[in-house]
């Protein structure tokens, strides 16, 4: 029985580590951008305008 318990604990530790790594990578922000195409279009427009002004 203790083998199943230690296996669950190890799984929880691995899940917590994965969550921390995903948070550090900014996955949540990326996903929120993908859910709203207007944000992507707006950011790309601003990037294009700023590049155009810079040259």
PDB file of N, CA and C in Angstrom:
ATOM      1  N   UNK A   1       0.808  -1.186   0.000  1.00  0.00           N
ATOM      2  CA  UNK A   1       0.000   0.000   0.000  1.00  0.00           C
ATOM      3  C   UNK A   1       0.860   1.263   0.000  1.00  0.00           C
ATOM      4  N   UNK A   2       1.984   1.227   0.683  1.00  0.00           N
ATOM      5  CA  UNK A   2       2.838   2.409   0.751  1.00  0.00           C
ATOM      6  C   UNK A   2       3.435   2.735  -0.612  1.00  0.00           C
ATOM      7  N   UNK A   3       3.579   1.734  -1.475  1.00  0.00           N
ATOM      8  CA  UNK A   3       4.119   1.983  -2.809  1.00  0.00           C
ATOM      9  C   UNK A   3       3.173   2.866  -3.614  1.00  0.00           C
ATOM     10  N   UNK A   4       1.876   2.626  -3.510  1.00  0.00           N
ATOM     11  CA  UNK A   4       0.887   3.459  -4.191  1.00  0.00           C
ATOM     12  C   UNK A   4       0.875   4.869  -3.645  1.00  0.00           C
ATOM     13  N   UNK A   5       1.054   4.986  -2.346  1.00  0.00           N
ATOM     14  CA  UNK A   5       1.067   6.297  -1.704  1.00  0.00           C
ATOM     15  C   UNK A   5       2.290   7.105  -2.135  1.00  0.00           C
ATOM     16  N   UNK A   6       3.448   6.450  -2.165  1.00  0.00           N
ATOM     17  CA  UNK A   6       4.668   7.156  -2.576  1.00  0.00           C
ATOM     18  C   UNK A   6       4.603   7.515  -4.056  1.00  0.00           C
ATOM     19  N   UNK A   7       3.962   6.675  -4.833  1.00  0.00           N
ATOM     20  CA  UNK A   7       3.792   6.953  -6.256  1.00  0.00           C
ATOM     21  C   UNK A   7       2.906   8.179  -6.463  1.00  0.00           C
ATOM     22  N   UNK A   8       1.846   8.305  -5.665  1.00  0.00           N
ATOM     23  CA  UNK A   8       0.964   9.471  -5.753  1.00  0.00           C
ATOM     24  C   UNK A   8       1.688  10.742  -5.328  1.00  0.00           C
ATOM     25  N   UNK A   9       2.497  10.631  -4.272  1.00  0.00           N
ATOM     26  CA  UNK A   9       3.248  11.800  -3.802  1.00  0.00           C
ATOM     27  C   UNK A   9       4.235  12.259  -4.867  1.00  0.00           C
ATOM     28  N   UNK A  10       4.895  11.299  -5.496  1.00  0.00           N
ATOM     29  CA  UNK A  10       5.868  11.627  -6.540  1.00  0.00           C
ATOM     30  C   UNK A  10       5.161  12.289  -7.725  1.00  0.00           C
ATOM     31  N   UNK A  11       3.980  11.789  -8.066  1.00  0.00           N
ATOM     32  CA  UNK A  11       3.198  12.376  -9.146  1.00  0.00           C
ATOM     33  C   UNK A  11       2.795  13.812  -8.814  1.00  0.00           C
ATOM     34  N   UNK A  12       2.372  14.050  -7.581  1.00  0.00           N
ATOM     35  CA  UNK A  12       1.999  15.404  -7.165  1.00  0.00           C
ATOM     36  C   UNK A  12       3.188  16.358  -7.219  1.00  0.00           C
ATOM     37  N   UNK A  13       4.341  15.881  -6.790  1.00  0.00           N
ATOM     38  CA  UNK A  13       5.547  16.713  -6.836  1.00  0.00           C
ATOM     39  C   UNK A  13       5.881  17.061  -8.282  1.00  0.00           C
ATOM     40  N   UNK A  14       5.793  16.074  -9.164  1.00  0.00           N
ATOM     41  CA  UNK A  14       6.081  16.318 -10.578  1.00  0.00           C
ATOM     42  C   UNK A  14       5.078  17.287 -11.193  1.00  0.00           C
ATOM     43  N   UNK A  15       3.812  17.162 -10.823  1.00  0.00           N
ATOM     44  CA  UNK A  15       2.796  18.082 -11.330  1.00  0.00           C
ATOM     45  C   UNK A  15       3.050  19.512 -10.864  1.00  0.00           C
ATOM     46  N   UNK A  16       3.395  19.669  -9.606  1.00  0.00           N
ATOM     47  CA  UNK A  16       3.690  21.002  -9.081  1.00  0.00           C
ATOM     48  C   UNK A  16       4.893  21.609  -9.793  1.00  0.00           C
ATOM     49  N   UNK A  17       5.896  20.798 -10.063  1.00  0.00           N
ATOM     50  CA  UNK A  17       7.084  21.276 -10.776  1.00  0.00           C
ATOM     51  C   UNK A  17       6.713  21.694 -12.197  1.00  0.00           C
ATOM     52  N   UNK A  18       5.870  20.917 -12.849  1.00  0.00           N
ATOM     53  CA  UNK A  18       5.422  21.249 -14.199  1.00  0.00           C
ATOM     54  C   UNK A  18       4.645  22.557 -14.206  1.00  0.00           C
ATOM     55  N   UNK A  19       3.770  22.743 -13.235  1.00  0.00           N
ATOM     56  CA  UNK A  19       2.985  23.978 -13.143  1.00  0.00           C
ATOM     57  C   UNK A  19       3.902  25.184 -12.969  1.00  0.00           C
ATOM     58  N   UNK A  20       4.898  25.063 -12.118  1.00  0.00           N
ATOM     59  CA  UNK A  20       5.838  26.170 -11.915  1.00  0.00           C
ATOM     60  C   UNK A  20       6.600  26.498 -13.190  1.00  0.00           C
ATOM     61  N   UNK A  21       7.025  25.472 -13.905  1.00  0.00           N
ATOM     62  CA  UNK A  21       7.753  25.706 -15.163  1.00  0.00           C
ATOM     63  C   UNK A  21       6.869  26.382 -16.201  1.00  0.00           C
ATOM     64  N   UNK A  22       5.615  25.953 -16.298  1.00  0.00           N
ATOM     65  CA  UNK A  22       4.697  26.572 -17.256  1.00  0.00           C
ATOM     66  C   UNK A  22       4.434  28.027 -16.899  1.00  0.00           C
ATOM     67  N   UNK A  23       4.313  28.329 -15.612  1.00  0.00           N
ATOM     68  CA  UNK A  23       4.103  29.712 -15.188  1.00  0.00           C
ATOM     69  C   UNK A  23       5.307  30.573 -15.541  1.00  0.00           C
ATOM     70  N   UNK A  24       6.505  30.035 -15.368  1.00  0.00           N
ATOM     71  CA  UNK A  24       7.711  30.789 -15.696  1.00  0.00           C
ATOM     72  C   UNK A  24       7.806  31.061 -17.193  1.00  0.00           C
ATOM     73  N   UNK A  25       7.287  30.155 -18.003  1.00  0.00           N
ATOM     74  CA  UNK A  25       7.356  30.312 -19.452  1.00  0.00           C
ATOM     75  C   UNK A  25       6.306  31.285 -19.977  1.00  0.00           C
ATOM     76  N   UNK A  26       5.342  31.644 -19.171  1.00  0.00           N
ATOM     77  CA  UNK A  26       4.303  32.572 -19.598  1.00  0.00           C
ATOM     78  C   UNK A  26       3.254  31.921 -20.484  1.00  0.00           C
ATOM     79  N   UNK A  27       3.003  30.654 -20.279  1.00  0.00           N
ATOM     80  CA  UNK A  27       2.038  29.925 -21.093  1.00  0.00           C
ATOM     81  C   UNK A  27       0.638  30.520 -20.960  1.00  0.00           C
ATOM     82  N   UNK A  28       0.274  30.966 -19.780  1.00  0.00           N
ATOM     83  CA  UNK A  28      -1.074  31.512 -19.566  1.00  0.00           C
ATOM     84  C   UNK A  28      -1.304  32.742 -20.442  1.00  0.00           C
ATOM     85  N   UNK A  29      -0.306  33.610 -20.531  1.00  0.00           N
ATOM     86  CA  UNK A  29      -0.440  34.802 -21.365  1.00  0.00           C
ATOM     87  C   UNK A  29      -0.566  34.414 -22.836  1.00  0.00           C
ATOM     88  N   UNK A  30       0.223  33.434 -23.253  1.00  0.00           N
ATOM     89  CA  UNK A  30       0.172  32.971 -24.637  1.00  0.00           C
ATOM     90  C   UNK A  30      -1.203  32.393 -24.967  1.00  0.00           C
ATOM     91  N   UNK A  31      -1.742  31.594 -24.061  1.00  0.00           N
ATOM     92  CA  UNK A  31      -3.057  30.989 -24.284  1.00  0.00           C
ATOM     93  C   UNK A  31      -4.137  32.066 -24.341  1.00  0.00           C
ATOM     94  N   UNK A  32      -4.048  33.065 -23.477  1.00  0.00           N
ATOM     95  CA  UNK A  32      -5.049  34.132 -23.503  1.00  0.00           C
ATOM     96  C   UNK A  32      -4.973  34.914 -24.811  1.00  0.00           C
ATOM     97  N   UNK A  33      -3.772  35.072 -25.365  1.00  0.00           N
ATOM     98  CA  UNK A  33      -3.641  35.730 -26.664  1.00  0.00           C
ATOM     99  C   UNK A  33      -4.277  34.894 -27.769  1.00  0.00           C
ATOM    100  N   UNK A  34      -4.083  33.595 -27.710  1.00  0.00           N
ATOM    101  CA  UNK A  34      -4.632  32.717 -28.737  1.00  0.00           C
ATOM    102  C   UNK A  34      -6.159  32.669 -28.691  1.00  0.00           C
ATOM    103  N   UNK A  35      -6.740  32.904 -27.531  1.00  0.00           N
ATOM    104  CA  UNK A  35      -8.195  32.875 -27.401  1.00  0.00           C
ATOM    105  C   UNK A  35      -8.849  34.141 -27.944  1.00  0.00           C
ATOM    106  N   UNK A  36      -8.104  35.234 -28.037  1.00  0.00           N
ATOM    107  CA  UNK A  36      -8.666  36.497 -28.514  1.00  0.00           C
ATOM    108  C   UNK A  36      -7.855  37.005 -29.705  1.00  0.00           C
ATOM    109  N   UNK A  37      -8.279  36.693 -30.924  1.00  0.00           N
ATOM    110  CA  UNK A  37      -7.528  37.098 -32.113  1.00  0.00           C
ATOM    111  C   UNK A  37      -7.407  38.612 -32.267  1.00  0.00           C
ATOM    112  N   UNK A  38      -8.343  39.376 -31.691  1.00  0.00           N
ATOM    113  CA  UNK A  38      -8.258  40.835 -31.789  1.00  0.00           C
ATOM    114  C   UNK A  38      -6.995  41.357 -31.118  1.00  0.00           C
ATOM    115  N   UNK A  39      -6.611  40.744 -30.012  1.00  0.00           N
ATOM    116  CA  UNK A  39      -5.390  41.164 -29.318  1.00  0.00           C
ATOM    117  C   UNK A  39      -4.164  40.926 -30.188  1.00  0.00           C
ATOM    118  N   UNK A  40      -4.142  39.798 -30.876  1.00  0.00           N
ATOM    119  CA  UNK A  40      -3.003  39.479 -31.742  1.00  0.00           C
ATOM    120  C   UNK A  40      -2.916  40.485 -32.883  1.00  0.00           C
ATOM    121  N   UNK A  41      -4.060  40.764 -33.506  1.00  0.00           N
ATOM    122  CA  UNK A  41      -4.084  41.714 -34.621  1.00  0.00           C
ATOM    123  C   UNK A  41      -3.637  43.089 -34.146  1.00  0.00           C
ATOM    124  N   UNK A  42      -4.123  43.519 -32.991  1.00  0.00           N
ATOM    125  CA  UNK A  42      -3.757  44.832 -32.450  1.00  0.00           C
ATOM    126  C   UNK A  42      -2.262  44.911 -32.153  1.00  0.00           C
ATOM    127  N   UNK A  43      -1.728  43.882 -31.514  1.00  0.00           N
ATOM    128  CA  UNK A  43      -0.294  43.889 -31.195  1.00  0.00           C
ATOM    129  C   UNK A  43       0.560  43.878 -32.455  1.00  0.00           C
ATOM    130  N   UNK A  44       0.146  43.096 -33.446  1.00  0.00           N
ATOM    131  CA  UNK A  44       0.899  43.064 -34.694  1.00  0.00           C
ATOM    132  C   UNK A  44       0.817  44.401 -35.422  1.00  0.00           C
ATOM    133  N   UNK A  45      -0.341  45.049 -35.372  1.00  0.00           N
ATOM    134  CA  UNK A  45      -0.492  46.363 -35.977  1.00  0.00           C
ATOM    135  C   UNK A  45       0.442  47.368 -35.317  1.00  0.00           C
ATOM    136  N   UNK A  46       0.445  47.376 -33.983  1.00  0.00           N
ATOM    137  CA  UNK A  46       1.331  48.301 -33.267  1.00  0.00           C
ATOM    138  C   UNK A  46       2.801  48.015 -33.561  1.00  0.00           C
ATOM    139  N   UNK A  47       3.152  46.751 -33.649  1.00  0.00           N
ATOM    140  CA  UNK A  47       4.537  46.392 -33.960  1.00  0.00           C
ATOM    141  C   UNK A  47       4.910  46.887 -35.351  1.00  0.00           C
ATOM    142  N   UNK A  48       4.002  46.745 -36.310  1.00  0.00           N
ATOM    143  CA  UNK A  48       4.262  47.218 -37.669  1.00  0.00           C
ATOM    144  C   UNK A  48       4.395  48.724 -37.741  1.00  0.00           C
ATOM    145  N   UNK A  49       3.527  49.429 -37.023  1.00  0.00           N
ATOM    146  CA  UNK A  49       3.599  50.892 -37.007  1.00  0.00           C
ATOM    147  C   UNK A  49       4.910  51.347 -36.385  1.00  0.00           C
ATOM    148  N   UNK A  50       5.291  50.726 -35.285  1.00  0.00           N
ATOM    149  CA  UNK A  50       6.535  51.145 -34.625  1.00  0.00           C
ATOM    150  C   UNK A  50       7.747  50.826 -35.496  1.00  0.00           C
ATOM    151  N   UNK A  51       7.706  49.742 -36.230  1.00  0.00           N
ATOM    152  CA  UNK A  51       8.813  49.440 -37.151  1.00  0.00           C
ATOM    153  C   UNK A  51       8.837  50.436 -38.301  1.00  0.00           C
ATOM    154  N   UNK A  52       7.655  50.805 -38.786  1.00  0.00           N
ATOM    155  CA  UNK A  52       7.580  51.760 -39.886  1.00  0.00           C
ATOM    156  C   UNK A  52       8.078  53.133 -39.480  1.00  0.00           C
ATOM    157  N   UNK A  53       7.780  53.536 -38.270  1.00  0.00           N
ATOM    158  CA  UNK A  53       8.245  54.835 -37.777  1.00  0.00           C
ATOM    159  C   UNK A  53       9.751  54.805 -37.552  1.00  0.00           C
ATOM    160  N   UNK A  54      10.254  53.672 -37.150  1.00  0.00           N
ATOM    161  CA  UNK A  54      11.679  53.559 -36.829  1.00  0.00           C
ATOM    162  C   UNK A  54      12.592  53.552 -38.041  1.00  0.00           C
ATOM    163  N   UNK A  55      12.051  53.282 -39.227  1.00  0.00           N
ATOM    164  CA  UNK A  55      12.929  53.225 -40.414  1.00  0.00           C
ATOM    165  C   UNK A  55      12.830  54.451 -41.251  1.00  0.00           C
TER     166      UNK A  55
END
